[in-house]
Amino acid sequence: MRKVTFLIVDDSPMWRKVIKRFIEEKLGGNIVGEAKDGIEAIVLYKKLKPDIVTMDIEMPNLDGIKALEEILNFDKDAKVIMISSKGEEDVVRKALLKGAQDFIRKDLKLEKWVKRFEKVIREIKGKKENMTYNVFSVIISYINKLKNNNKS
């Protein structure tokens, strides 16, 4: 099975490196791109269509909340996990109401990050398995129709 793909969005090169290492080492994920602001995030999302986006909130040019909205306008099924040092209740609520899958504070222990990411990864893998099953059942149905037509 192919690895889950990620786009990392954070204006801090240090945090992009930390998140990248976490995804590769703890989750076995594949980083397909990195962006330093919301504008780059939108462009790269449209080009790369990653399974999951990690998104900082406070960034230059376009903040994470606005970038989240734009990505979801482009793809309503996009999976975006906000990762930010800003953890005030109103910021978290706003991100989740706008459509973020989860909100992780940068100061959380990495073991807790794993659980939060795994929940979203399970959802993605479940959806892909359902799509595969649906395609497979359509093919079987088509083959059975052909067989029945050939018997006539």
C-alpha atoms as a PDB file:
ATOM      1  CA  MET A   1       0.000   0.000   0.000  1.00  0.00           C
ATOM      2  CA  ARG A   2       1.316   3.456  -0.844  1.00  0.00           C
ATOM      3  CA  LYS A   3       2.420   5.830   1.878  1.00  0.00           C
ATOM      4  CA  VAL A   4       0.159   8.659   3.007  1.00  0.00           C
ATOM      5  CA  THR A   5       1.348  11.928   1.435  1.00  0.00           C
ATOM      6  CA  PHE A   6       1.826  15.192   3.323  1.00  0.00           C
ATOM      7  CA  LEU A   7       2.247  18.876   2.564  1.00  0.00           C
ATOM      8  CA  ILE A   8       3.919  20.776   5.419  1.00  0.00           C
ATOM      9  CA  VAL A   9       3.030  24.464   5.774  1.00  0.00           C
ATOM     10  CA  ASP A  10       4.918  26.573   8.320  1.00  0.00           C
ATOM     11  CA  ASP A  11       6.863  29.821   8.037  1.00  0.00           C
ATOM     12  CA  SER A  12       9.543  28.489  10.417  1.00  0.00           C
ATOM     13  CA  PRO A  13      12.207  26.347   8.690  1.00  0.00           C
ATOM     14  CA  MET A  14      12.953  24.755  12.066  1.00  0.00           C
ATOM     15  CA  TRP A  15       9.335  23.690  12.587  1.00  0.00           C
ATOM     16  CA  ARG A  16       9.053  22.393   9.014  1.00  0.00           C
ATOM     17  CA  LYS A  17      12.079  20.229   9.742  1.00  0.00           C
ATOM     18  CA  VAL A  18      10.620  18.995  13.070  1.00  0.00           C
ATOM     19  CA  ILE A  19       7.258  18.151  11.456  1.00  0.00           C
ATOM     20  CA  LYS A  20       8.935  16.481   8.475  1.00  0.00           C
ATOM     21  CA  ARG A  21      11.064  14.298  10.738  1.00  0.00           C
ATOM     22  CA  PHE A  22       8.025  13.405  12.851  1.00  0.00           C
ATOM     23  CA  ILE A  23       5.973  12.385   9.808  1.00  0.00           C
ATOM     24  CA  GLU A  24       8.754  10.334   8.247  1.00  0.00           C
ATOM     25  CA  GLU A  25       9.968   8.628  11.431  1.00  0.00           C
ATOM     26  CA  LYS A  26       6.804   8.222  13.515  1.00  0.00           C
ATOM     27  CA  LEU A  27       4.148   7.875  10.809  1.00  0.00           C
ATOM     28  CA  GLY A  28       6.100   6.507   7.850  1.00  0.00           C
ATOM     29  CA  GLY A  29       4.582   9.247   5.700  1.00  0.00           C
ATOM     30  CA  ASN A  30       5.824  10.710   2.433  1.00  0.00           C
ATOM     31  CA  ILE A  31       6.467  14.476   2.320  1.00  0.00           C
ATOM     32  CA  VAL A  32       5.509  15.706  -1.154  1.00  0.00           C
ATOM     33  CA  GLY A  33       5.990  19.413  -0.498  1.00  0.00           C
ATOM     34  CA  GLU A  34       6.732  22.221   1.933  1.00  0.00           C
ATOM     35  CA  ALA A  35       5.377  25.767   1.965  1.00  0.00           C
ATOM     36  CA  LYS A  36       6.363  28.812   4.012  1.00  0.00           C
ATOM     37  CA  ASP A  37       3.047  30.691   3.788  1.00  0.00           C
ATOM     38  CA  GLY A  38      -0.618  30.248   2.923  1.00  0.00           C
ATOM     39  CA  ILE A  39      -0.249  31.372  -0.692  1.00  0.00           C
ATOM     40  CA  GLU A  40       2.398  28.719  -1.395  1.00  0.00           C
ATOM     41  CA  ALA A  41       0.246  26.175   0.454  1.00  0.00           C
ATOM     42  CA  ILE A  42      -2.711  26.720  -1.882  1.00  0.00           C
ATOM     43  CA  VAL A  43      -0.564  26.525  -5.022  1.00  0.00           C
ATOM     44  CA  LEU A  44       1.192  23.359  -3.843  1.00  0.00           C
ATOM     45  CA  TYR A  45      -2.040  21.726  -2.678  1.00  0.00           C
ATOM     46  CA  LYS A  46      -3.620  22.185  -6.100  1.00  0.00           C
ATOM     47  CA  LYS A  47      -0.500  20.860  -7.827  1.00  0.00           C
ATOM     48  CA  LEU A  48       0.373  17.947  -5.499  1.00  0.00           C
ATOM     49  CA  LYS A  49      -3.007  16.963  -3.976  1.00  0.00           C
ATOM     50  CA  PRO A  50      -1.512  15.493  -0.783  1.00  0.00           C
ATOM     51  CA  ASP A  51      -3.548  13.262   1.516  1.00  0.00           C
ATOM     52  CA  ILE A  52      -2.911  15.516   4.535  1.00  0.00           C
ATOM     53  CA  VAL A  53      -1.779  19.120   5.020  1.00  0.00           C
ATOM     54  CA  THR A  54      -0.163  20.314   8.235  1.00  0.00           C
ATOM     55  CA  MET A  55      -0.869  24.031   8.557  1.00  0.00           C
ATOM     56  CA  ASP A  56       0.532  26.685  10.867  1.00  0.00           C
ATOM     57  CA  ILE A  57      -1.804  29.569  11.693  1.00  0.00           C
ATOM     58  CA  GLU A  58       0.382  32.657  11.923  1.00  0.00           C
ATOM     59  CA  MET A  59       2.292  33.106   8.658  1.00  0.00           C
ATOM     60  CA  PRO A  60       3.171  36.018   6.371  1.00  0.00           C
ATOM     61  CA  ASN A  61       1.241  36.853   3.182  1.00  0.00           C
ATOM     62  CA  LEU A  62      -1.751  34.606   3.988  1.00  0.00           C
ATOM     63  CA  ASP A  63      -2.473  33.041   7.372  1.00  0.00           C
ATOM     64  CA  GLY A  64      -3.334  29.399   7.950  1.00  0.00           C
ATOM     65  CA  ILE A  65      -7.062  29.914   8.558  1.00  0.00           C
ATOM     66  CA  LYS A  66      -7.519  31.710   5.225  1.00  0.00           C
ATOM     67  CA  ALA A  67      -5.356  29.139   3.439  1.00  0.00           C
ATOM     68  CA  LEU A  68      -7.481  26.371   5.019  1.00  0.00           C
ATOM     69  CA  GLU A  69     -10.632  28.017   3.649  1.00  0.00           C
ATOM     70  CA  GLU A  70      -9.144  28.339   0.160  1.00  0.00           C
ATOM     71  CA  ILE A  71      -7.956  24.729   0.101  1.00  0.00           C
ATOM     72  CA  LEU A  72     -11.387  23.508   1.226  1.00  0.00           C
ATOM     73  CA  ASN A  73     -13.050  25.692  -1.425  1.00  0.00           C
ATOM     74  CA  PHE A  74     -10.890  23.908  -4.003  1.00  0.00           C
ATOM     75  CA  ASP A  75     -11.319  20.427  -2.466  1.00  0.00           C
ATOM     76  CA  LYS A  76     -14.066  19.943   0.110  1.00  0.00           C
ATOM     77  CA  ASP A  77     -12.526  16.588   1.121  1.00  0.00           C
ATOM     78  CA  ALA A  78      -9.075  18.020   1.921  1.00  0.00           C
ATOM     79  CA  LYS A  79      -7.617  16.886   5.250  1.00  0.00           C
ATOM     80  CA  VAL A  80      -5.891  19.738   7.069  1.00  0.00           C
ATOM     81  CA  ILE A  81      -4.396  19.435  10.542  1.00  0.00           C
ATOM     82  CA  MET A  82      -3.579  22.754  12.142  1.00  0.00           C
ATOM     83  CA  ILE A  83      -0.294  22.748  14.081  1.00  0.00           C
ATOM     84  CA  SER A  84       0.322  25.984  15.923  1.00  0.00           C
ATOM     85  CA  SER A  85       1.814  27.528  19.031  1.00  0.00           C
ATOM     86  CA  LYS A  86      -1.407  29.559  19.234  1.00  0.00           C
ATOM     87  CA  GLY A  87      -3.800  27.473  21.254  1.00  0.00           C
ATOM     88  CA  GLU A  88      -6.349  29.941  22.565  1.00  0.00           C
ATOM     89  CA  GLU A  89      -9.830  28.472  22.631  1.00  0.00           C
ATOM     90  CA  ASP A  90     -11.238  30.937  20.074  1.00  0.00           C
ATOM     91  CA  VAL A  91      -8.413  30.187  17.597  1.00  0.00           C
ATOM     92  CA  VAL A  92      -8.888  26.429  17.972  1.00  0.00           C
ATOM     93  CA  ARG A  93     -12.670  26.742  17.622  1.00  0.00           C
ATOM     94  CA  LYS A  94     -12.344  28.941  14.524  1.00  0.00           C
ATOM     95  CA  ALA A  95      -9.967  26.473  12.824  1.00  0.00           C
ATOM     96  CA  LEU A  96     -12.227  23.509  13.560  1.00  0.00           C
ATOM     97  CA  LEU A  97     -15.383  25.343  12.487  1.00  0.00           C
ATOM     98  CA  LYS A  98     -13.687  26.318   9.219  1.00  0.00           C
ATOM     99  CA  GLY A  99     -13.054  22.632   8.497  1.00  0.00           C
ATOM    100  CA  ALA A 100      -9.712  21.593  10.011  1.00  0.00           C
ATOM    101  CA  GLN A 101      -9.575  17.882  10.860  1.00  0.00           C
ATOM    102  CA  ASP A 102      -7.740  18.558  14.116  1.00  0.00           C
ATOM    103  CA  PHE A 103      -5.733  21.171  15.979  1.00  0.00           C
ATOM    104  CA  ILE A 104      -2.399  20.299  17.567  1.00  0.00           C
ATOM    105  CA  ARG A 105      -0.411  22.639  19.780  1.00  0.00           C
ATOM    106  CA  LYS A 106       3.286  22.651  19.018  1.00  0.00           C
ATOM    107  CA  ASP A 107       4.062  22.108  22.684  1.00  0.00           C
ATOM    108  CA  LEU A 108       2.163  18.789  22.920  1.00  0.00           C
ATOM    109  CA  LYS A 109       4.235  15.687  23.468  1.00  0.00           C
ATOM    110  CA  LEU A 110       4.960  13.813  20.213  1.00  0.00           C
ATOM    111  CA  GLU A 111       3.177  10.679  21.470  1.00  0.00           C
ATOM    112  CA  LYS A 112      -0.040  12.712  21.511  1.00  0.00           C
ATOM    113  CA  TRP A 113       0.693  13.963  17.994  1.00  0.00           C
ATOM    114  CA  VAL A 114       0.852  10.341  16.810  1.00  0.00           C
ATOM    115  CA  LYS A 115      -2.651   9.570  18.111  1.00  0.00           C
ATOM    116  CA  ARG A 116      -4.132  12.692  16.514  1.00  0.00           C
ATOM    117  CA  PHE A 117      -2.505  11.982  13.130  1.00  0.00           C
ATOM    118  CA  GLU A 118      -3.392   8.282  13.186  1.00  0.00           C
ATOM    119  CA  LYS A 119      -7.075   9.154  13.544  1.00  0.00           C
ATOM    120  CA  VAL A 120      -6.983  11.164  10.289  1.00  0.00           C
ATOM    121  CA  ILE A 121      -4.819   8.555   8.525  1.00  0.00           C
ATOM    122  CA  ARG A 122      -7.304   5.785   9.445  1.00  0.00           C
ATOM    123  CA  GLU A 123     -10.112   7.884   7.979  1.00  0.00           C
ATOM    124  CA  ILE A 124      -8.164   8.362   4.724  1.00  0.00           C
ATOM    125  CA  LYS A 125      -7.268   4.683   4.431  1.00  0.00           C
ATOM    126  CA  GLY A 126     -10.867   3.649   5.192  1.00  0.00           C
ATOM    127  CA  LYS A 127     -12.190   5.956   2.477  1.00  0.00           C
ATOM    128  CA  LYS A 128      -9.656   4.579  -0.046  1.00  0.00           C
ATOM    129  CA  GLU A 129     -10.579   0.991   0.836  1.00  0.00           C
ATOM    130  CA  ASN A 130     -14.268   1.826   0.319  1.00  0.00           C
ATOM    131  CA  MET A 131     -13.467   3.408  -3.056  1.00  0.00           C
ATOM    132  CA  THR A 132     -11.496   0.311  -4.076  1.00  0.00           C
ATOM    133  CA  TYR A 133     -14.362  -1.941  -2.952  1.00  0.00           C
ATOM    134  CA  ASN A 134     -16.905   0.172  -4.854  1.00  0.00           C
ATOM    135  CA  VAL A 135     -14.843   0.112  -8.064  1.00  0.00           C
ATOM    136  CA  PHE A 136     -14.297  -3.627  -7.664  1.00  0.00           C
ATOM    137  CA  SER A 137     -18.022  -4.296  -7.149  1.00  0.00           C
ATOM    138  CA  VAL A 138     -18.902  -2.206 -10.240  1.00  0.00           C
ATOM    139  CA  ILE A 139     -16.432  -4.237 -12.319  1.00  0.00           C
ATOM    140  CA  ILE A 140     -17.848  -7.547 -11.006  1.00  0.00           C
ATOM    141  CA  SER A 141     -21.368  -6.360 -11.787  1.00  0.00           C
ATOM    142  CA  TYR A 142     -20.343  -5.394 -15.316  1.00  0.00           C
ATOM    143  CA  ILE A 143     -18.645  -8.772 -15.888  1.00  0.00           C
ATOM    144  CA  ASN A 144     -21.753 -10.598 -14.657  1.00  0.00           C
ATOM    145  CA  LYS A 145     -23.952  -8.580 -17.045  1.00  0.00           C
ATOM    146  CA  LEU A 146     -21.646  -9.484 -19.934  1.00  0.00           C
ATOM    147  CA  LYS A 147     -21.812 -13.152 -18.966  1.00  0.00           C
ATOM    148  CA  ASN A 148     -25.618 -13.052 -18.800  1.00  0.00           C
ATOM    149  CA  ASN A 149     -25.843 -11.297 -22.172  1.00  0.00           C
ATOM    150  CA  ASN A 150     -23.582 -13.913 -23.750  1.00  0.00           C
ATOM    151  CA  LYS A 151     -25.847 -16.717 -22.459  1.00  0.00           C
ATOM    152  CA  SER A 152     -28.870 -15.205 -24.249  1.00  0.00           C
END
